[in-house]
Amino acid sequence: MLEAVLIGLAIFSIVKVIIFIKLSDIFLSKKVKNDNDNIIEISDDVQIDESTKYKRDYFK
């Protein structure tokens, strides 16, 4: 009887974790928004140093 209870609790906890992961993927997914305030338009003749390129690409 005790083994059946332990197996049932183990199965219940595994199912609970799987359901929590699926629900968090659905409700907590990252929303991609276009933030036009952070976009910097640079003309072709302007030179960009490497740190600015890294920051621009890293924080996209």
N, C-alpha and C. Protein backbone atom coordinates (compact mmCIF):
# COMPACT_ATOMS: atom_id res chain seq x y z
N MET A 1 0.82 -1.19 0.00
CA MET A 1 0.00 0.00 0.00
C MET A 1 0.87 1.26 0.00
N LEU A 2 1.92 1.24 0.80
CA LEU A 2 2.81 2.40 0.87
C LEU A 2 3.53 2.63 -0.45
N GLU A 3 3.91 1.52 -1.13
CA GLU A 3 4.57 1.67 -2.43
C GLU A 3 3.65 2.32 -3.45
N ALA A 4 2.38 1.96 -3.43
CA ALA A 4 1.42 2.54 -4.37
C ALA A 4 1.25 4.04 -4.13
N VAL A 5 1.24 4.43 -2.87
CA VAL A 5 1.12 5.85 -2.54
C VAL A 5 2.35 6.61 -3.00
N LEU A 6 3.53 6.05 -2.78
CA LEU A 6 4.76 6.72 -3.21
C LEU A 6 4.85 6.81 -4.73
N ILE A 7 4.46 5.76 -5.42
CA ILE A 7 4.47 5.80 -6.89
C ILE A 7 3.46 6.83 -7.39
N GLY A 8 2.30 6.88 -6.77
CA GLY A 8 1.30 7.87 -7.16
C GLY A 8 1.78 9.29 -6.93
N LEU A 9 2.43 9.54 -5.81
CA LEU A 9 2.97 10.88 -5.55
C LEU A 9 4.08 11.24 -6.53
N ALA A 10 4.91 10.27 -6.88
CA ALA A 10 5.99 10.53 -7.84
C ALA A 10 5.41 10.87 -9.21
N ILE A 11 4.44 10.11 -9.65
CA ILE A 11 3.81 10.38 -10.95
C ILE A 11 3.10 11.73 -10.92
N PHE A 12 2.41 12.03 -9.84
CA PHE A 12 1.72 13.31 -9.71
C PHE A 12 2.70 14.47 -9.76
N SER A 13 3.83 14.35 -9.08
CA SER A 13 4.79 15.46 -9.07
C SER A 13 5.43 15.64 -10.43
N ILE A 14 5.70 14.55 -11.15
CA ILE A 14 6.27 14.67 -12.49
C ILE A 14 5.28 15.33 -13.43
N VAL A 15 4.02 14.92 -13.37
CA VAL A 15 2.99 15.52 -14.22
C VAL A 15 2.80 16.99 -13.87
N LYS A 16 2.86 17.33 -12.60
CA LYS A 16 2.70 18.72 -12.17
C LYS A 16 3.83 19.60 -12.71
N VAL A 17 5.05 19.09 -12.70
CA VAL A 17 6.18 19.85 -13.23
C VAL A 17 6.04 20.04 -14.73
N ILE A 18 5.63 19.00 -15.45
CA ILE A 18 5.46 19.11 -16.90
C ILE A 18 4.37 20.13 -17.23
N ILE A 19 3.26 20.09 -16.52
CA ILE A 19 2.18 21.06 -16.76
C ILE A 19 2.64 22.48 -16.45
N PHE A 20 3.40 22.65 -15.38
CA PHE A 20 3.91 23.98 -15.03
C PHE A 20 4.83 24.52 -16.13
N ILE A 21 5.69 23.67 -16.68
CA ILE A 21 6.60 24.11 -17.74
C ILE A 21 5.81 24.50 -18.98
N LYS A 22 4.83 23.71 -19.36
CA LYS A 22 4.03 24.03 -20.55
C LYS A 22 3.25 25.33 -20.36
N LEU A 23 2.64 25.51 -19.19
CA LEU A 23 1.89 26.74 -18.95
C LEU A 23 2.79 27.97 -18.89
N SER A 24 3.98 27.81 -18.33
CA SER A 24 4.88 28.96 -18.28
C SER A 24 5.38 29.32 -19.68
N ASP A 25 5.55 28.33 -20.56
CA ASP A 25 5.92 28.63 -21.95
C ASP A 25 4.81 29.41 -22.64
N ILE A 26 3.58 29.06 -22.35
CA ILE A 26 2.46 29.73 -23.01
C ILE A 26 2.29 31.16 -22.48
N PHE A 27 2.26 31.32 -21.16
CA PHE A 27 1.91 32.62 -20.59
C PHE A 27 3.10 33.54 -20.37
N LEU A 28 4.30 33.01 -20.28
CA LEU A 28 5.46 33.86 -20.01
C LEU A 28 6.39 33.99 -21.20
N SER A 29 5.89 33.71 -22.39
CA SER A 29 6.73 33.82 -23.57
C SER A 29 7.09 35.28 -23.80
N LYS A 30 8.29 35.49 -24.32
CA LYS A 30 8.76 36.86 -24.54
C LYS A 30 8.01 37.47 -25.72
N LYS A 31 7.49 38.63 -25.49
CA LYS A 31 6.83 39.37 -26.55
C LYS A 31 7.88 40.23 -27.25
N VAL A 32 7.99 40.06 -28.56
CA VAL A 32 8.95 40.84 -29.33
C VAL A 32 8.27 42.13 -29.74
N LYS A 33 8.84 43.22 -29.29
CA LYS A 33 8.27 44.50 -29.68
C LYS A 33 9.35 45.32 -30.37
N ASN A 34 8.92 46.07 -31.35
CA ASN A 34 9.84 46.95 -32.07
C ASN A 34 9.93 48.26 -31.32
N ASP A 35 11.08 48.53 -30.78
CA ASP A 35 11.29 49.77 -30.05
C ASP A 35 12.07 50.70 -30.97
N ASN A 36 11.36 51.55 -31.67
CA ASN A 36 11.99 52.42 -32.65
C ASN A 36 12.82 53.52 -32.01
N ASP A 37 12.66 53.74 -30.71
CA ASP A 37 13.44 54.78 -30.05
C ASP A 37 14.90 54.38 -29.92
N ASN A 38 15.17 53.08 -29.86
CA ASN A 38 16.54 52.62 -29.64
C ASN A 38 17.30 52.37 -30.94
N ILE A 39 16.64 52.49 -32.07
CA ILE A 39 17.30 52.24 -33.35
C ILE A 39 18.05 53.49 -33.77
N ILE A 40 19.31 53.31 -34.07
CA ILE A 40 20.14 54.42 -34.50
C ILE A 40 20.45 54.22 -35.98
N GLU A 41 20.07 55.19 -36.76
CA GLU A 41 20.38 55.11 -38.18
C GLU A 41 21.70 55.82 -38.43
N ILE A 42 22.61 55.10 -39.05
CA ILE A 42 23.94 55.64 -39.29
C ILE A 42 24.18 55.62 -40.79
N SER A 43 24.66 56.73 -41.30
CA SER A 43 24.94 56.78 -42.73
C SER A 43 26.19 55.97 -43.05
N ASP A 44 26.43 55.74 -44.32
CA ASP A 44 27.53 54.87 -44.74
C ASP A 44 28.90 55.47 -44.49
N ASP A 45 29.02 56.78 -44.46
CA ASP A 45 30.34 57.40 -44.33
C ASP A 45 30.79 57.53 -42.88
N VAL A 46 29.96 57.17 -41.92
CA VAL A 46 30.32 57.28 -40.50
C VAL A 46 30.98 55.97 -40.07
N GLN A 47 32.11 56.10 -39.39
CA GLN A 47 32.82 54.92 -38.88
C GLN A 47 32.32 54.60 -37.47
N ILE A 48 32.08 53.33 -37.21
CA ILE A 48 31.62 52.88 -35.90
C ILE A 48 32.75 52.09 -35.26
N ASP A 49 33.05 52.41 -34.00
CA ASP A 49 34.09 51.63 -33.32
C ASP A 49 33.52 50.28 -32.88
N GLU A 50 34.41 49.36 -32.54
CA GLU A 50 34.01 47.99 -32.24
C GLU A 50 33.11 47.89 -31.01
N SER A 51 33.35 48.73 -30.01
CA SER A 51 32.53 48.64 -28.80
C SER A 51 31.08 49.04 -29.08
N THR A 52 30.89 50.03 -29.95
CA THR A 52 29.53 50.43 -30.30
C THR A 52 28.84 49.33 -31.09
N LYS A 53 29.56 48.68 -31.99
CA LYS A 53 28.98 47.56 -32.74
C LYS A 53 28.59 46.44 -31.80
N TYR A 54 29.46 46.14 -30.83
CA TYR A 54 29.18 45.06 -29.88
C TYR A 54 27.95 45.38 -29.04
N LYS A 55 27.88 46.62 -28.54
CA LYS A 55 26.72 47.02 -27.73
C LYS A 55 25.44 46.97 -28.55
N ARG A 56 25.52 47.44 -29.78
CA ARG A 56 24.33 47.46 -30.63
C ARG A 56 23.84 46.04 -30.91
N ASP A 57 24.77 45.13 -31.21
CA ASP A 57 24.37 43.76 -31.52
C ASP A 57 23.98 42.99 -30.27
N TYR A 58 24.61 43.29 -29.15
CA TYR A 58 24.35 42.54 -27.92
C TYR A 58 22.98 42.86 -27.34
N PHE A 59 22.58 44.12 -27.41
CA PHE A 59 21.35 44.55 -26.76
C PHE A 59 20.15 44.55 -27.71
N LYS A 60 20.21 43.84 -28.81
CA LYS A 60 19.07 43.76 -29.72
C LYS A 60 17.96 42.98 -29.10
